[in-house]
C-alpha atoms as a PDB file:
ATOM      1  CA  MET A   1      85.776 155.563 122.123  1.00  0.00           C
ATOM      2  CA  LYS A   2      86.062 153.989 125.902  1.00  0.00           C
ATOM      3  CA  ARG A   3      85.067 156.256 128.927  1.00  0.00           C
ATOM      4  CA  ILE A   4      86.544 155.662 131.992  1.00  0.00           C
ATOM      5  CA  LEU A   5      86.007 157.740 135.176  1.00  0.00           C
ATOM      6  CA  SER A   6      88.984 159.520 136.960  1.00  0.00           C
ATOM      7  CA  LYS A   7      87.990 157.939 139.772  1.00  0.00           C
ATOM      8  CA  ILE A   8      85.387 155.100 140.899  1.00  0.00           C
ATOM      9  CA  ASP A   9      83.672 154.791 143.775  1.00  0.00           C
ATOM     10  CA  LYS A  10      83.588 151.748 146.105  1.00  0.00           C
ATOM     11  CA  GLU A  11      79.763 151.467 146.059  1.00  0.00           C
ATOM     12  CA  GLN A  12      79.960 151.247 142.251  1.00  0.00           C
ATOM     13  CA  ILE A  13      81.998 148.191 142.528  1.00  0.00           C
ATOM     14  CA  ALA A  14      79.494 146.363 144.242  1.00  0.00           C
ATOM     15  CA  ASP A  15      77.113 145.624 141.780  1.00  0.00           C
ATOM     16  CA  LEU A  16      79.954 144.530 139.144  1.00  0.00           C
ATOM     17  CA  PRO A  17      80.539 140.718 138.051  1.00  0.00           C
ATOM     18  CA  ARG A  18      82.773 138.992 140.080  1.00  0.00           C
ATOM     19  CA  VAL A  19      85.972 138.209 138.344  1.00  0.00           C
ATOM     20  CA  VAL A  20      88.524 135.046 138.877  1.00  0.00           C
ATOM     21  CA  PHE A  21      91.558 133.842 137.132  1.00  0.00           C
ATOM     22  CA  PRO A  22      90.422 131.208 134.176  1.00  0.00           C
ATOM     23  CA  GLY A  23      93.374 129.398 134.072  1.00  0.00           C
ATOM     24  CA  ARG A  24      95.610 126.582 135.958  1.00  0.00           C
ATOM     25  CA  THR A  25      96.937 127.620 139.445  1.00  0.00           C
ATOM     26  CA  GLU A  26     100.252 125.357 140.553  1.00  0.00           C
ATOM     27  CA  VAL A  27     101.431 125.687 144.162  1.00  0.00           C
ATOM     28  CA  ILE A  28     105.297 125.350 144.112  1.00  0.00           C
ATOM     29  CA  VAL A  29     106.947 123.989 147.299  1.00  0.00           C
ATOM     30  CA  SER A  30     110.333 122.479 146.135  1.00  0.00           C
ATOM     31  CA  GLU A  31     113.236 124.049 144.489  1.00  0.00           C
ATOM     32  CA  SER A  32     113.189 121.435 141.886  1.00  0.00           C
ATOM     33  CA  ALA A  33     109.588 122.598 141.142  1.00  0.00           C
ATOM     34  CA  ALA A  34     110.290 126.218 140.980  1.00  0.00           C
ATOM     35  CA  GLU A  35     113.328 125.488 138.548  1.00  0.00           C
ATOM     36  CA  ARG A  36     110.884 124.195 136.060  1.00  0.00           C
ATOM     37  CA  ALA A  37     108.015 126.744 136.943  1.00  0.00           C
ATOM     38  CA  VAL A  38     110.949 129.372 136.247  1.00  0.00           C
ATOM     39  CA  LYS A  39     111.968 127.615 132.721  1.00  0.00           C
ATOM     40  CA  PHE A  40     108.264 127.681 131.433  1.00  0.00           C
ATOM     41  CA  LEU A  41     107.680 131.527 132.532  1.00  0.00           C
ATOM     42  CA  MET A  42     111.550 132.907 130.740  1.00  0.00           C
ATOM     43  CA  LYS A  43     109.623 132.006 127.300  1.00  0.00           C
ATOM     44  CA  GLN A  44     106.332 134.050 128.044  1.00  0.00           C
ATOM     45  CA  PRO A  45     106.687 137.718 126.774  1.00  0.00           C
ATOM     46  CA  LEU A  46     104.540 139.442 129.673  1.00  0.00           C
ATOM     47  CA  LEU A  47     104.189 137.879 133.368  1.00  0.00           C
ATOM     48  CA  GLY A  48     101.861 139.407 136.197  1.00  0.00           C
ATOM     49  CA  PHE A  49     103.337 139.360 139.368  1.00  0.00           C
ATOM     50  CA  ASP A  50     102.287 140.013 142.897  1.00  0.00           C
ATOM     51  CA  THR A  51     102.943 138.818 146.700  1.00  0.00           C
ATOM     52  CA  GLU A  52     101.390 138.157 150.059  1.00  0.00           C
ATOM     53  CA  THR A  53     102.506 138.410 153.642  1.00  0.00           C
ATOM     54  CA  ARG A  54     100.915 136.857 156.648  1.00  0.00           C
ATOM     55  CA  PRO A  55      99.577 139.876 158.243  1.00  0.00           C
ATOM     56  CA  SER A  56     100.501 140.438 161.911  1.00  0.00           C
ATOM     57  CA  PHE A  57      98.024 141.831 164.558  1.00  0.00           C
ATOM     58  CA  LYS A  58     100.894 142.181 167.157  1.00  0.00           C
ATOM     59  CA  LYS A  59     102.360 145.579 167.517  1.00  0.00           C
ATOM     60  CA  GLY A  60     106.340 145.022 166.376  1.00  0.00           C
ATOM     61  CA  LEU A  61     105.972 141.551 164.865  1.00  0.00           C
ATOM     62  CA  LEU A  62     106.118 141.524 161.232  1.00  0.00           C
ATOM     63  CA  TYR A  63     106.446 138.702 158.734  1.00  0.00           C
ATOM     64  CA  LYS A  64     108.838 138.121 155.402  1.00  0.00           C
ATOM     65  CA  VAL A  65     106.819 137.731 152.100  1.00  0.00           C
ATOM     66  CA  SER A  66     105.042 134.401 152.374  1.00  0.00           C
ATOM     67  CA  LEU A  67     104.127 134.307 148.666  1.00  0.00           C
ATOM     68  CA  LEU A  68     105.051 135.104 145.075  1.00  0.00           C
ATOM     69  CA  GLN A  69     102.506 134.388 142.801  1.00  0.00           C
ATOM     70  CA  VAL A  70     103.706 135.006 138.557  1.00  0.00           C
ATOM     71  CA  CYS A  71     101.103 134.705 136.224  1.00  0.00           C
ATOM     72  CA  GLY A  72     102.121 133.775 132.388  1.00  0.00           C
ATOM     73  CA  GLY A  73     100.127 132.201 129.737  1.00  0.00           C
ATOM     74  CA  ASP A  74      97.277 130.355 131.097  1.00  0.00           C
ATOM     75  CA  VAL A  75      99.055 129.153 134.349  1.00  0.00           C
ATOM     76  CA  CYS A  76      99.619 131.012 137.568  1.00  0.00           C
ATOM     77  CA  PHE A  77     102.888 129.770 139.755  1.00  0.00           C
ATOM     78  CA  LEU A  78     102.315 130.142 143.583  1.00  0.00           C
ATOM     79  CA  PHE A  79     105.649 129.895 145.029  1.00  0.00           C
ATOM     80  CA  ARG A  80     105.383 129.639 148.765  1.00  0.00           C
ATOM     81  CA  LEU A  81     108.394 131.890 149.961  1.00  0.00           C
ATOM     82  CA  ASN A  82     108.155 130.611 153.310  1.00  0.00           C
ATOM     83  CA  ARG A  83     109.221 127.275 152.543  1.00  0.00           C
ATOM     84  CA  ILE A  84     111.790 127.649 149.793  1.00  0.00           C
ATOM     85  CA  ASP A  85     112.912 131.071 150.789  1.00  0.00           C
ATOM     86  CA  LEU A  86     113.801 133.038 147.408  1.00  0.00           C
ATOM     87  CA  PRO A  87     116.024 130.313 145.348  1.00  0.00           C
ATOM     88  CA  ASP A  88     118.462 131.283 142.542  1.00  0.00           C
ATOM     89  CA  CYS A  89     116.145 130.500 139.614  1.00  0.00           C
ATOM     90  CA  LEU A  90     113.446 133.156 141.209  1.00  0.00           C
ATOM     91  CA  VAL A  91     116.483 135.504 141.384  1.00  0.00           C
ATOM     92  CA  LYS A  92     117.043 135.025 138.013  1.00  0.00           C
ATOM     93  CA  LEU A  93     113.483 135.642 136.699  1.00  0.00           C
ATOM     94  CA  LEU A  94     113.352 138.653 138.976  1.00  0.00           C
ATOM     95  CA  SER A  95     116.636 139.858 137.625  1.00  0.00           C
ATOM     96  CA  ASP A  96     115.388 139.231 133.882  1.00  0.00           C
ATOM     97  CA  ARG A  97     115.425 142.625 131.774  1.00  0.00           C
ATOM     98  CA  ARG A  98     113.903 141.029 128.947  1.00  0.00           C
ATOM     99  CA  ILE A  99     110.594 140.050 130.302  1.00  0.00           C
ATOM    100  CA  LYS A 100     108.136 142.595 131.041  1.00  0.00           C
ATOM    101  CA  LYS A 101     107.166 142.220 134.566  1.00  0.00           C
ATOM    102  CA  ILE A 102     103.782 143.596 135.602  1.00  0.00           C
ATOM    103  CA  GLY A 103     102.636 144.603 139.104  1.00  0.00           C
ATOM    104  CA  LEU A 104     100.935 147.187 141.358  1.00  0.00           C
ATOM    105  CA  SER A 105     102.983 149.389 143.921  1.00  0.00           C
ATOM    106  CA  TRP A 106     106.030 147.301 142.814  1.00  0.00           C
ATOM    107  CA  HIS A 107     108.400 149.086 145.407  1.00  0.00           C
ATOM    108  CA  ASP A 108     106.790 147.463 148.180  1.00  0.00           C
ATOM    109  CA  ASP A 109     106.851 144.012 146.558  1.00  0.00           C
ATOM    110  CA  LEU A 110     110.240 144.549 145.926  1.00  0.00           C
ATOM    111  CA  HIS A 111     111.318 145.734 149.109  1.00  0.00           C
ATOM    112  CA  GLY A 112     109.514 142.576 150.870  1.00  0.00           C
ATOM    113  CA  LEU A 113     111.339 140.646 148.368  1.00  0.00           C
ATOM    114  CA  MET A 114     114.889 141.947 149.014  1.00  0.00           C
ATOM    115  CA  ALA A 115     114.337 141.446 152.633  1.00  0.00           C
ATOM    116  CA  ARG A 116     115.014 137.597 151.729  1.00  0.00           C
ATOM    117  CA  LYS A 117     117.719 137.849 149.325  1.00  0.00           C
ATOM    118  CA  GLN A 118     119.373 140.833 147.358  1.00  0.00           C
ATOM    119  CA  PHE A 119     119.059 141.077 143.847  1.00  0.00           C
ATOM    120  CA  LYS A 120     118.954 144.063 141.045  1.00  0.00           C
ATOM    121  CA  PRO A 121     115.972 144.294 139.951  1.00  0.00           C
ATOM    122  CA  GLY A 122     115.188 143.512 136.294  1.00  0.00           C
ATOM    123  CA  THR A 123     112.065 145.234 133.816  1.00  0.00           C
ATOM    124  CA  PHE A 124     109.081 145.864 135.851  1.00  0.00           C
ATOM    125  CA  ILE A 125     105.941 147.775 135.219  1.00  0.00           C
ATOM    126  CA  ASP A 126     104.448 149.584 137.678  1.00  0.00           C
ATOM    127  CA  LEU A 127     100.087 150.072 136.837  1.00  0.00           C
ATOM    128  CA  GLN A 128     100.058 152.982 139.398  1.00  0.00           C
ATOM    129  CA  ASP A 129     102.536 154.699 137.001  1.00  0.00           C
ATOM    130  CA  ILE A 130     100.297 154.087 133.986  1.00  0.00           C
ATOM    131  CA  ALA A 131      97.294 154.855 135.741  1.00  0.00           C
ATOM    132  CA  ALA A 132      98.910 158.282 136.671  1.00  0.00           C
ATOM    133  CA  GLN A 133     100.108 159.230 133.140  1.00  0.00           C
ATOM    134  CA  MET A 134      96.412 158.525 131.948  1.00  0.00           C
ATOM    135  CA  GLY A 135      95.139 160.872 134.614  1.00  0.00           C
ATOM    136  CA  ILE A 136      93.674 158.187 136.531  1.00  0.00           C
ATOM    137  CA  GLU A 137      93.613 158.866 140.220  1.00  0.00           C
ATOM    138  CA  ASP A 138      92.647 155.096 141.273  1.00  0.00           C
ATOM    139  CA  LYS A 139      95.412 153.193 142.725  1.00  0.00           C
ATOM    140  CA  SER A 140      94.260 149.893 143.939  1.00  0.00           C
ATOM    141  CA  LEU A 141      94.244 147.039 141.846  1.00  0.00           C
ATOM    142  CA  GLN A 142      90.371 146.164 142.811  1.00  0.00           C
ATOM    143  CA  LYS A 143      89.676 149.983 141.595  1.00  0.00           C
ATOM    144  CA  LEU A 144      91.271 150.082 138.707  1.00  0.00           C
ATOM    145  CA  TYR A 145      89.963 146.446 137.538  1.00  0.00           C
ATOM    146  CA  ALA A 146      86.482 147.878 138.160  1.00  0.00           C
ATOM    147  CA  ASN A 147      87.143 150.757 136.397  1.00  0.00           C
ATOM    148  CA  ILE A 148      89.165 149.874 133.218  1.00  0.00           C
ATOM    149  CA  LEU A 149      87.574 146.168 132.903  1.00  0.00           C
ATOM    150  CA  GLY A 150      84.271 146.509 134.716  1.00  0.00           C
ATOM    151  CA  GLY A 151      84.707 143.250 136.846  1.00  0.00           C
ATOM    152  CA  LYS A 152      85.206 142.767 140.520  1.00  0.00           C
ATOM    153  CA  ILE A 153      88.129 141.465 142.329  1.00  0.00           C
ATOM    154  CA  SER A 154      87.525 139.823 145.863  1.00  0.00           C
ATOM    155  CA  LYS A 155      89.730 141.195 148.399  1.00  0.00           C
ATOM    156  CA  GLY A 156      88.281 138.553 151.077  1.00  0.00           C
ATOM    157  CA  GLN A 157      91.574 136.438 151.877  1.00  0.00           C
ATOM    158  CA  GLN A 158      93.810 139.737 151.848  1.00  0.00           C
ATOM    159  CA  LEU A 159      94.253 139.095 155.363  1.00  0.00           C
ATOM    160  CA  SER A 160      94.015 135.276 155.523  1.00  0.00           C
ATOM    161  CA  ASN A 161      97.232 133.260 156.686  1.00  0.00           C
ATOM    162  CA  TRP A 162      99.527 133.248 153.953  1.00  0.00           C
ATOM    163  CA  GLU A 163     101.741 130.551 156.017  1.00  0.00           C
ATOM    164  CA  ALA A 164      99.146 128.037 156.695  1.00  0.00           C
ATOM    165  CA  ASP A 165     100.183 124.349 155.924  1.00  0.00           C
ATOM    166  CA  ASN A 166      98.112 124.477 153.076  1.00  0.00           C
ATOM    167  CA  LEU A 167      96.741 127.099 150.934  1.00  0.00           C
ATOM    168  CA  SER A 168      92.804 126.998 150.765  1.00  0.00           C
ATOM    169  CA  GLU A 169      91.043 126.967 147.539  1.00  0.00           C
ATOM    170  CA  ALA A 170      89.994 130.437 148.307  1.00  0.00           C
ATOM    171  CA  GLN A 171      93.590 131.707 148.810  1.00  0.00           C
ATOM    172  CA  MET A 172      94.908 130.026 145.595  1.00  0.00           C
ATOM    173  CA  GLN A 173      91.872 131.952 143.329  1.00  0.00           C
ATOM    174  CA  TYR A 174      92.519 135.151 145.186  1.00  0.00           C
ATOM    175  CA  ALA A 175      96.630 135.294 144.630  1.00  0.00           C
ATOM    176  CA  ALA A 176      96.427 133.833 140.978  1.00  0.00           C
ATOM    177  CA  THR A 177      93.423 136.179 140.406  1.00  0.00           C
ATOM    178  CA  ASP A 178      95.648 139.300 141.681  1.00  0.00           C
ATOM    179  CA  ALA A 179      98.556 138.625 139.373  1.00  0.00           C
ATOM    180  CA  TRP A 180      96.521 137.584 136.326  1.00  0.00           C
ATOM    181  CA  ALA A 181      94.458 140.918 136.641  1.00  0.00           C
ATOM    182  CA  CYS A 182      97.900 143.028 136.325  1.00  0.00           C
ATOM    183  CA  ILE A 183      98.286 141.163 132.535  1.00  0.00           C
ATOM    184  CA  GLN A 184      94.811 142.192 131.563  1.00  0.00           C
ATOM    185  CA  LEU A 185      94.897 145.403 133.204  1.00  0.00           C
ATOM    186  CA  TYR A 186      98.239 146.077 131.470  1.00  0.00           C
ATOM    187  CA  LYS A 187      97.187 145.123 127.997  1.00  0.00           C
ATOM    188  CA  GLU A 188      93.898 147.469 128.101  1.00  0.00           C
ATOM    189  CA  MET A 189      95.435 150.390 129.494  1.00  0.00           C
ATOM    190  CA  VAL A 190      98.100 150.271 126.486  1.00  0.00           C
ATOM    191  CA  ARG A 191      95.229 149.737 123.820  1.00  0.00           C
ATOM    192  CA  MET A 192      93.455 152.628 125.396  1.00  0.00           C
ATOM    193  CA  GLN A 193      96.653 154.594 125.323  1.00  0.00           C
ATOM    194  CA  GLU A 194      97.433 153.846 121.607  1.00  0.00           C
ATOM    195  CA  GLU A 195      93.789 154.118 120.377  1.00  0.00           C
ATOM    196  CA  GLY A 196      92.184 157.183 122.624  1.00  0.00           C
ATOM    197  CA  TYR A 197      90.000 157.064 125.632  1.00  0.00           C
ATOM    198  CA  GLU A 198      87.639 159.719 127.368  1.00  0.00           C
ATOM    199  CA  LEU A 199      88.418 160.062 131.218  1.00  0.00           C
ATOM    200  CA  VAL A 200      85.543 161.555 132.633  1.00  0.00           C
ATOM    201  CA  LYS A 201      84.518 162.754 136.321  1.00  0.00           C
ATOM    202  CA  ASN A 202      82.113 160.435 138.383  1.00  0.00           C
ATOM    203  CA  GLU A 203      79.241 163.079 138.229  1.00  0.00           C
ATOM    204  CA  GLU A 204      79.837 163.114 134.441  1.00  0.00           C
ATOM    205  CA  MET A 205      79.120 159.561 133.988  1.00  0.00           C
ATOM    206  CA  LYS A 206      75.738 159.458 135.852  1.00  0.00           C
ATOM    207  CA  GLU A 207      74.343 162.050 133.790  1.00  0.00           C
END
């Protein structure tokens, strides 16, 4: 039976192997490309979602959501909302009730997306809710992934400029990995809930 911690320490994450999205990443900067991407995504049974916003280092200055990353199958699409806003095809995807959309702290993401355009959210599953049901205290994607799947997700690009003219390779990898990791976590957490697991405190795991 798999043993996991009720709460993992940052120090325990440092030595874990780094994980990155192994599939193909495609940056979307036009509405026609967005329509093609959504057509593909609507055929997937499970999607990983995340967003990025340009950080503001000035009091009172806030930016709208810059990027929506959606992972399905072996492809992750990075929709540059600062270029294309929230086209109707993306609203259709976000409102869809048939496909399970997996994210983390989704209330914040949805709030940001709705600042661009109002829509009625479809079926969203928040990993934090599942973690709480399982007795896990960790809330961040990095800690949940380390605790449950034993890998380290780098957060080095989190405060980079998501409205840059061109996203760097590091930014694209970071964004895609976060969306993909949501799917991997969901699958494993569901498996553990079905097959059983042992939740232990940090001190007990070290014994």
